[in-house]
């Protein structure tokens, strides 16, 4: 074991004023008066100084530092008064970094997670937090849903990854994280016939108001890789009718998601006047009660979907469940394999902008034809409705 550091006292012998010396066993003594001993102690090791009221505690502390030094685990930051490795200090720094990297909504979520975790761990040294402590934190969230609990744990795992990359901790200090089983909620779905009936009702309700509302919901029913928020944000410049694609930017990944269009939808897109590239495709028209040209809000499509459902007596089916989820189930009934549906729904890496998109795009167009419900309507004999779609 290394012999760096020692035990000292700020006291002196009251008789001869000599400095007390460590006898290496049980006390600090005056070298000239053997029975006179110190009553205050300070263990010093490199830049670490810590005071004690008895010799044994000071000795154990010093031996612990020497042991860590021999192991290569000594870090003087663990002993500073300003606690630079305190949980609250570091997670606040991490949150400031994330503010520059993520969208405002994601940042607000992370800030909430960090605030609750900071209240729990306070200034605990980050190296002293292991699996038991993280599990205790998880159990403190028991009133929250399993999905929210998982979000908290996932955020902390990302925080610890940042700590490792910044050299605040080593891999040896990286804790194991508790797992969280998420109870997945199920949305109510409908069959393709009901979905088409709702679409027809939306079309009737919005024909003189804004025909893009019906078309947008139709797109969500057909292209199940497109989420409502993405479609609301679609700009004119990301509609490529020449090649038959919709492009959705993904700023975090610095790439685009490309969705190939079937022919009938390309023609419907062509029927609408085109706007400047930076304008939203879904925007209000004159007479809508909103400023003409202003973009749709997040609830426009959902509100019209609810009105149509109410009119035809369909209850408890939201826009997401009635389009994306219902179409996915309809595809399975139509004989499409889970792997094909997974591809169509975009639940794996989308290889947008690969050479001409030729092979995958053709496959997806065939799948999207099934998702559009054309064949279902024909089988029902509703040829007129099919032509309207």
Protein backbone atom coordinates (compact mmCIF):
# COMPACT_ATOMS: atom_id res chain seq x y z
CA UNK A 1 0.00 0.00 0.00
CA UNK A 2 1.20 3.51 -0.79
CA UNK A 3 2.25 5.72 2.13
CA UNK A 4 1.12 9.05 0.68
CA UNK A 5 -0.52 11.44 3.14
CA UNK A 6 -0.74 11.36 6.91
CA UNK A 7 -2.63 12.32 10.06
CA UNK A 8 -1.94 15.72 11.59
CA UNK A 9 -3.28 18.08 14.23
CA UNK A 10 -3.53 21.85 14.44
CA UNK A 11 -2.71 21.55 18.15
CA UNK A 12 0.73 21.74 19.81
CA UNK A 13 2.15 20.44 23.06
CA UNK A 14 1.07 22.86 25.83
CA UNK A 15 4.37 22.31 27.59
CA UNK A 16 7.01 22.65 24.86
CA UNK A 17 4.94 23.78 21.84
CA UNK A 18 6.21 20.84 19.79
CA UNK A 19 4.17 19.50 16.85
CA UNK A 20 2.39 16.25 17.60
CA UNK A 21 3.70 13.18 15.77
CA UNK A 22 1.76 10.13 14.59
CA UNK A 23 2.82 7.00 16.44
CA UNK A 24 1.23 4.90 13.68
CA UNK A 25 -0.87 3.00 16.18
CA UNK A 26 -3.46 4.92 18.14
CA UNK A 27 -2.62 8.60 18.63
CA UNK A 28 -0.63 11.75 17.87
CA UNK A 29 1.87 12.42 20.69
CA UNK A 30 4.32 15.09 21.70
CA UNK A 31 7.82 13.77 20.88
CA UNK A 32 9.09 15.18 24.20
CA UNK A 33 6.17 14.43 26.49
CA UNK A 34 4.86 10.96 25.70
CA UNK A 35 1.69 11.22 27.76
CA UNK A 36 0.45 14.42 26.07
CA UNK A 37 -1.70 13.58 23.03
CA UNK A 38 -3.76 15.50 20.47
CA UNK A 39 -7.56 15.67 20.60
CA UNK A 40 -8.20 17.09 17.12
CA UNK A 41 -7.13 15.34 13.92
CA UNK A 42 -6.86 15.99 10.20
CA UNK A 43 -6.33 13.29 7.58
CA UNK A 44 -4.48 14.65 4.54
CA UNK A 45 -3.99 12.88 1.25
CA UNK A 46 -2.90 14.92 -1.77
CA UNK A 47 -5.50 17.72 -2.07
CA UNK A 48 -7.93 16.04 0.35
CA UNK A 49 -8.10 17.39 3.90
CA UNK A 50 -10.72 16.09 6.33
CA UNK A 51 -11.13 16.77 10.05
CA UNK A 52 -11.96 14.17 12.73
CA UNK A 53 -12.55 14.13 16.48
CA UNK A 54 -10.73 10.85 17.06
CA UNK A 55 -7.62 9.17 15.73
CA UNK A 56 -9.22 5.87 14.69
CA UNK A 57 -11.66 7.51 12.28
CA UNK A 58 -8.92 9.62 10.74
CA UNK A 59 -6.74 6.54 10.28
CA UNK A 60 -9.52 4.52 8.64
CA UNK A 61 -10.27 7.39 6.29
CA UNK A 62 -6.61 7.76 5.29
CA UNK A 63 -6.21 4.03 4.73
CA UNK A 64 -9.31 4.06 2.57
CA UNK A 65 -7.85 6.78 0.37
CA UNK A 66 -4.57 4.91 0.05
CA UNK A 67 -6.43 1.75 -0.90
CA UNK A 68 -8.40 3.59 -3.61
CA UNK A 69 -5.17 5.13 -4.88
CA UNK A 70 -3.56 1.70 -5.19
CA UNK A 71 -6.62 0.42 -7.05
CA UNK A 72 -6.54 3.40 -9.40
CA UNK A 73 -9.96 4.62 -8.21
CA UNK A 74 -8.91 7.69 -6.25
CA UNK A 75 -10.69 10.88 -7.35
CA UNK A 76 -10.24 14.00 -5.25
CA UNK A 77 -13.55 15.39 -6.61
CA UNK A 78 -15.31 12.89 -4.35
CA UNK A 79 -14.16 14.88 -1.30
CA UNK A 80 -14.51 18.53 -2.31
CA UNK A 81 -16.87 20.68 -0.25
CA UNK A 82 -18.64 22.06 -3.33
CA UNK A 83 -19.56 18.47 -4.33
CA UNK A 84 -18.74 18.66 -8.05
CA UNK A 85 -19.87 15.04 -8.43
CA UNK A 86 -23.17 15.61 -6.63
CA UNK A 87 -26.22 14.31 -8.52
CA UNK A 88 -28.09 17.64 -8.48
CA UNK A 89 -25.07 19.57 -9.74
CA UNK A 90 -24.41 17.25 -12.66
CA UNK A 91 -27.97 16.64 -13.79
CA UNK A 92 -28.55 20.39 -13.91
CA UNK A 93 -25.53 20.68 -16.19
CA UNK A 94 -26.84 17.85 -18.36
CA UNK A 95 -30.24 19.48 -18.69
CA UNK A 96 -28.61 22.69 -19.92
CA UNK A 97 -26.79 20.68 -22.58
CA UNK A 98 -30.01 18.93 -23.66
CA UNK A 99 -31.73 22.29 -24.07
CA UNK A 100 -29.51 22.87 -27.09
CA UNK A 101 -30.05 19.40 -28.55
CA UNK A 102 -33.72 18.45 -28.31
CA UNK A 103 -37.09 19.91 -29.19
CA UNK A 104 -38.82 22.10 -26.56
CA UNK A 105 -41.42 19.43 -25.76
CA UNK A 106 -38.74 16.77 -25.19
CA UNK A 107 -36.68 19.24 -23.18
CA UNK A 108 -39.63 19.99 -20.89
CA UNK A 109 -40.16 16.27 -20.32
CA UNK A 110 -36.48 15.75 -19.48
CA UNK A 111 -36.54 18.75 -17.18
CA UNK A 112 -39.46 17.26 -15.26
CA UNK A 113 -37.68 13.91 -14.97
CA UNK A 114 -34.49 15.63 -13.79
CA UNK A 115 -36.34 17.74 -11.23
CA UNK A 116 -37.98 14.73 -9.59
CA UNK A 117 -34.75 12.72 -9.62
CA UNK A 118 -32.82 15.67 -8.19
CA UNK A 119 -35.29 15.97 -5.31
CA UNK A 120 -34.78 12.26 -4.60
CA UNK A 121 -30.98 11.97 -4.87
CA UNK A 122 -30.07 15.56 -3.85
CA UNK A 123 -26.27 15.96 -3.54
CA UNK A 124 -25.46 12.25 -3.38
CA UNK A 125 -22.15 11.54 -5.07
CA UNK A 126 -22.91 10.13 -8.49
CA UNK A 127 -20.51 7.25 -7.85
CA UNK A 128 -22.47 6.21 -4.77
CA UNK A 129 -25.66 5.64 -6.74
CA UNK A 130 -26.01 2.03 -7.81
CA UNK A 131 -28.77 -0.42 -8.62
CA UNK A 132 -30.35 -0.39 -5.11
CA UNK A 133 -30.62 3.40 -5.11
CA UNK A 134 -32.01 3.49 -8.64
CA UNK A 135 -34.52 0.80 -7.73
CA UNK A 136 -35.60 2.85 -4.70
CA UNK A 137 -36.15 5.80 -7.03
CA UNK A 138 -38.20 3.66 -9.39
CA UNK A 139 -40.42 2.50 -6.50
CA UNK A 140 -40.92 6.14 -5.48
CA UNK A 141 -42.70 6.55 -8.84
CA UNK A 142 -45.19 3.77 -8.16
CA UNK A 143 -48.20 6.08 -8.55
CA UNK A 144 -47.20 6.85 -12.14
CA UNK A 145 -47.98 4.64 -15.13
CA UNK A 146 -45.47 1.96 -16.11
CA UNK A 147 -44.75 3.85 -19.34
CA UNK A 148 -43.94 7.04 -17.41
CA UNK A 149 -41.75 5.11 -14.99
CA UNK A 150 -39.85 3.69 -17.93
CA UNK A 151 -39.40 7.17 -19.36
CA UNK A 152 -37.80 8.29 -16.09
CA UNK A 153 -35.41 5.33 -15.98
CA UNK A 154 -34.53 5.71 -19.67
CA UNK A 155 -33.76 9.41 -19.12
CA UNK A 156 -31.47 8.57 -16.21
CA UNK A 157 -29.70 5.94 -18.30
CA UNK A 158 -29.05 8.59 -20.96
CA UNK A 159 -27.78 10.92 -18.22
CA UNK A 160 -25.33 8.27 -17.00
CA UNK A 161 -24.11 7.72 -20.55
CA UNK A 162 -23.33 11.43 -20.70
CA UNK A 163 -21.49 11.21 -17.36
CA UNK A 164 -19.32 8.42 -18.75
CA UNK A 165 -18.56 10.28 -21.98
CA UNK A 166 -17.63 13.40 -19.99
CA UNK A 167 -15.29 11.32 -17.77
CA UNK A 168 -17.20 12.10 -14.60
CA UNK A 169 -17.41 8.36 -14.10
CA UNK A 170 -15.71 5.30 -15.56
CA UNK A 171 -17.36 2.15 -16.85
CA UNK A 172 -16.62 0.61 -13.46
CA UNK A 173 -18.87 3.26 -11.88
CA UNK A 174 -21.69 2.71 -14.39
CA UNK A 175 -24.62 1.16 -12.48
CA UNK A 176 -27.05 -1.47 -13.61
CA UNK A 177 -30.51 0.00 -14.15
CA UNK A 178 -33.80 -1.55 -12.99
CA UNK A 179 -36.06 -2.81 -15.74
CA UNK A 180 -39.64 -1.62 -16.11
CA UNK A 181 -42.34 -3.75 -17.67
CA UNK A 182 -44.63 -1.46 -19.62
CA UNK A 183 -48.30 -2.29 -19.64
CA UNK A 184 -49.34 -1.36 -23.16
CA UNK A 185 -52.72 0.26 -23.48
CA UNK A 186 -54.88 -0.80 -26.41
CA UNK A 187 -56.75 1.58 -28.66
CA UNK A 188 -60.17 0.62 -29.91
CA UNK A 189 -60.04 -0.20 -33.60
CA UNK A 190 -62.60 -0.61 -36.36
CA UNK A 191 -62.90 -2.65 -39.52
CA UNK A 192 -62.10 -1.20 -42.92
CA UNK A 193 -65.76 -0.83 -43.86
CA UNK A 194 -66.45 1.36 -40.79
CA UNK A 195 -63.30 3.35 -41.43
CA UNK A 196 -64.43 4.11 -44.97
CA UNK A 197 -67.90 5.08 -43.72
CA UNK A 198 -66.31 7.57 -41.33
CA UNK A 199 -64.12 8.92 -44.13
CA UNK A 200 -67.16 9.42 -46.32
CA UNK A 201 -68.90 11.31 -43.49
CA UNK A 202 -65.81 13.51 -43.02
CA UNK A 203 -65.84 14.22 -46.75
CA UNK A 204 -69.50 15.22 -46.60
CA UNK A 205 -68.95 17.48 -43.58
CA UNK A 206 -65.87 19.26 -44.96
CA UNK A 207 -66.48 19.37 -48.72
CA UNK A 208 -67.42 23.08 -48.67
CA UNK A 209 -65.24 23.92 -45.69
CA UNK A 210 -61.84 22.50 -46.59
CA UNK A 211 -61.50 19.30 -48.69
CA UNK A 212 -57.94 18.83 -47.43
CA UNK A 213 -59.36 17.66 -44.09
CA UNK A 214 -60.90 14.56 -45.64
CA UNK A 215 -57.83 13.95 -47.78
CA UNK A 216 -55.49 14.24 -44.78
CA UNK A 217 -57.47 11.62 -42.82
CA UNK A 218 -57.51 9.40 -45.90
CA UNK A 219 -53.72 9.68 -46.07
CA UNK A 220 -53.44 8.63 -42.42
CA UNK A 221 -55.65 5.62 -43.16
CA UNK A 222 -53.54 4.58 -46.12
CA UNK A 223 -49.93 5.45 -45.23
CA UNK A 224 -49.68 3.98 -41.78
CA UNK A 225 -46.06 5.08 -41.35
CA UNK A 226 -47.24 8.71 -41.22
CA UNK A 227 -48.21 10.07 -37.82
CA UNK A 228 -50.80 12.87 -37.47
CA UNK A 229 -48.20 15.33 -36.14
CA UNK A 230 -45.96 14.68 -39.12
CA UNK A 231 -48.77 15.21 -41.59
CA UNK A 232 -49.84 18.46 -39.90
CA UNK A 233 -46.26 19.71 -40.32
CA UNK A 234 -45.88 18.62 -43.97
CA UNK A 235 -44.65 21.51 -46.12
CA UNK A 236 -45.37 22.02 -49.80
CA UNK A 237 -41.68 21.72 -50.61
CA UNK A 238 -41.66 18.16 -49.24
CA UNK A 239 -44.35 16.94 -51.63
CA UNK A 240 -42.61 15.40 -54.67
CA UNK A 241 -45.35 14.53 -57.15
CA UNK A 242 -42.89 13.96 -59.99
CA UNK A 243 -41.38 10.96 -58.23
CA UNK A 244 -44.44 10.25 -56.10
CA UNK A 245 -43.11 10.82 -52.58
CA UNK A 246 -43.84 12.65 -49.37
CA UNK A 247 -40.73 13.60 -47.40
CA UNK A 248 -40.84 14.11 -43.65
CA UNK A 249 -37.77 15.69 -42.06
CA UNK A 250 -36.41 14.13 -38.90
CA UNK A 251 -34.11 16.84 -37.42
CA UNK A 252 -32.78 14.67 -34.61
CA UNK A 253 -31.49 12.01 -36.99
CA UNK A 254 -30.61 14.65 -39.63
CA UNK A 255 -32.38 12.71 -42.36
CA UNK A 256 -35.78 12.31 -44.01
CA UNK A 257 -38.51 9.71 -43.94
CA UNK A 258 -39.74 9.06 -47.48
CA UNK A 259 -43.23 7.69 -48.11
CA UNK A 260 -44.11 6.54 -51.66
CA UNK A 261 -47.58 7.56 -52.91
CA UNK A 262 -50.02 5.46 -54.87
CA UNK A 263 -51.22 6.92 -58.19
CA UNK A 264 -54.72 7.95 -57.09
CA UNK A 265 -53.35 10.06 -54.24
CA UNK A 266 -50.81 11.73 -56.52
CA UNK A 267 -53.75 12.86 -58.65
CA UNK A 268 -55.63 14.19 -55.62
CA UNK A 269 -52.55 16.14 -54.58
CA UNK A 270 -52.39 17.61 -58.09
CA UNK A 271 -56.00 18.82 -57.76
CA UNK A 272 -55.02 21.25 -55.00
CA UNK A 273 -53.34 24.60 -55.77
CA UNK A 274 -49.67 24.46 -54.84
CA UNK A 275 -48.16 26.96 -52.42
CA UNK A 276 -44.69 28.24 -51.67
CA UNK A 277 -42.25 25.51 -50.53
CA UNK A 278 -42.21 26.64 -46.90
CA UNK A 279 -46.01 26.76 -46.54
CA UNK A 280 -47.81 23.97 -44.73
CA UNK A 281 -49.87 21.75 -47.00
CA UNK A 282 -52.66 21.66 -44.43
CA UNK A 283 -53.70 25.27 -43.99
CA UNK A 284 -56.94 27.13 -43.38
CA UNK A 285 -59.01 28.61 -46.20
CA UNK A 286 -61.21 31.70 -46.41
CA UNK A 287 -64.45 31.37 -44.52
CA UNK A 288 -63.07 28.87 -42.02
CA UNK A 289 -63.07 31.36 -39.19
CA UNK A 290 -59.28 31.28 -39.14
CA UNK A 291 -56.76 33.39 -40.98
CA UNK A 292 -56.48 32.12 -44.56
CA UNK A 293 -53.15 30.40 -45.09
CA UNK A 294 -52.49 29.76 -41.40
CA UNK A 295 -51.48 26.17 -40.61
CA UNK A 296 -53.78 23.61 -39.03
CA UNK A 297 -53.51 23.14 -35.29
CA UNK A 298 -52.82 19.74 -33.78
CA UNK A 299 -56.50 18.96 -33.14
CA UNK A 300 -58.17 19.96 -36.41
CA UNK A 301 -58.18 16.47 -37.94
CA UNK A 302 -59.08 14.80 -34.66
CA UNK A 303 -62.03 17.14 -34.08
CA UNK A 304 -63.54 16.45 -37.52
CA UNK A 305 -62.97 12.71 -37.05
CA UNK A 306 -64.94 12.86 -33.79
CA UNK A 307 -67.80 14.76 -35.44
CA UNK A 308 -68.03 12.20 -38.23
CA UNK A 309 -67.95 9.30 -35.74
CA UNK A 310 -70.74 10.87 -33.71
CA UNK A 311 -72.88 11.38 -36.82
CA UNK A 312 -72.75 7.72 -37.83
CA UNK A 313 -72.88 6.30 -34.31
CA UNK A 314 -69.30 5.15 -33.78
CA UNK A 315 -68.06 5.63 -30.21
CA UNK A 316 -64.69 5.45 -28.49
CA UNK A 317 -62.44 5.37 -31.56
CA UNK A 318 -59.85 8.12 -31.74
CA UNK A 319 -58.14 9.32 -34.92
CA UNK A 320 -54.96 7.36 -34.27
CA UNK A 321 -56.73 4.10 -33.49
CA UNK A 322 -59.23 4.52 -36.30
CA UNK A 323 -56.63 5.15 -38.98
CA UNK A 324 -53.15 3.77 -38.29
CA UNK A 325 -54.09 0.91 -35.97
CA UNK A 326 -57.25 -0.08 -37.80
CA UNK A 327 -55.52 -0.11 -41.17
CA UNK A 328 -52.70 -2.25 -39.77
CA UNK A 329 -55.23 -4.81 -38.56
CA UNK A 330 -57.03 -4.69 -41.90
CA UNK A 331 -53.74 -5.40 -43.67
CA UNK A 332 -53.25 -8.49 -41.54
CA UNK A 333 -56.73 -9.71 -42.43
CA UNK A 334 -55.93 -9.05 -46.09
CA UNK A 335 -53.07 -11.54 -45.83
CA UNK A 336 -50.10 -9.22 -45.44
CA UNK A 337 -47.35 -10.64 -43.24
CA UNK A 338 -46.32 -9.01 -39.95
CA UNK A 339 -42.96 -8.19 -41.53
CA UNK A 340 -44.66 -6.38 -44.41
CA UNK A 341 -46.89 -4.44 -42.06
CA UNK A 342 -43.90 -3.56 -39.91
CA UNK A 343 -42.18 -2.19 -42.99
CA UNK A 344 -45.26 -0.17 -43.98
CA UNK A 345 -45.72 1.25 -40.48
CA UNK A 346 -42.14 2.51 -40.29
CA UNK A 347 -41.24 0.70 -37.09
CA UNK A 348 -37.73 0.03 -38.34
CA UNK A 349 -35.07 2.31 -39.82
CA UNK A 350 -36.47 4.04 -42.89
CA UNK A 351 -33.85 3.91 -45.65
CA UNK A 352 -34.96 7.09 -47.34
CA UNK A 353 -33.00 8.47 -50.25
CA UNK A 354 -31.28 5.19 -51.08
CA UNK A 355 -30.76 4.71 -54.78
CA UNK A 356 -34.10 5.65 -56.41
CA UNK A 357 -36.07 3.86 -53.65
CA UNK A 358 -37.01 1.48 -56.45
CA UNK A 359 -37.29 -1.94 -54.78
CA UNK A 360 -38.79 -0.98 -51.43
CA UNK A 361 -41.01 1.73 -52.90
CA UNK A 362 -42.73 -0.68 -55.28
CA UNK A 363 -43.37 -3.11 -52.42
CA UNK A 364 -44.76 -0.34 -50.24
CA UNK A 365 -47.04 0.97 -52.99
CA UNK A 366 -48.65 -2.45 -53.25
CA UNK A 367 -49.15 -2.56 -49.49
CA UNK A 368 -50.59 0.95 -49.43
CA UNK A 369 -53.09 0.00 -52.12
CA UNK A 370 -54.47 -2.57 -49.69
CA UNK A 371 -54.44 -0.02 -46.86
CA UNK A 372 -56.48 2.43 -48.94
CA UNK A 373 -59.43 0.02 -48.76
CA UNK A 374 -60.22 0.02 -52.45
CA UNK A 375 -60.74 -3.70 -52.70
CA UNK A 376 -62.92 -3.79 -49.59
CA UNK A 377 -65.28 -1.21 -51.03
CA UNK A 378 -65.45 -3.01 -54.37
CA UNK A 379 -66.30 -6.26 -52.64
CA UNK A 380 -69.15 -4.51 -50.89
CA UNK A 381 -70.39 -3.28 -54.21
CA UNK A 382 -69.87 0.38 -53.28
CA UNK A 383 -68.27 1.30 -56.57
CA UNK A 384 -69.38 4.89 -56.28
CA UNK A 385 -67.68 5.32 -52.90
CA UNK A 386 -64.52 3.72 -54.26
CA UNK A 387 -64.40 6.21 -57.12
CA UNK A 388 -64.79 9.07 -54.65
CA UNK A 389 -61.75 7.88 -52.74
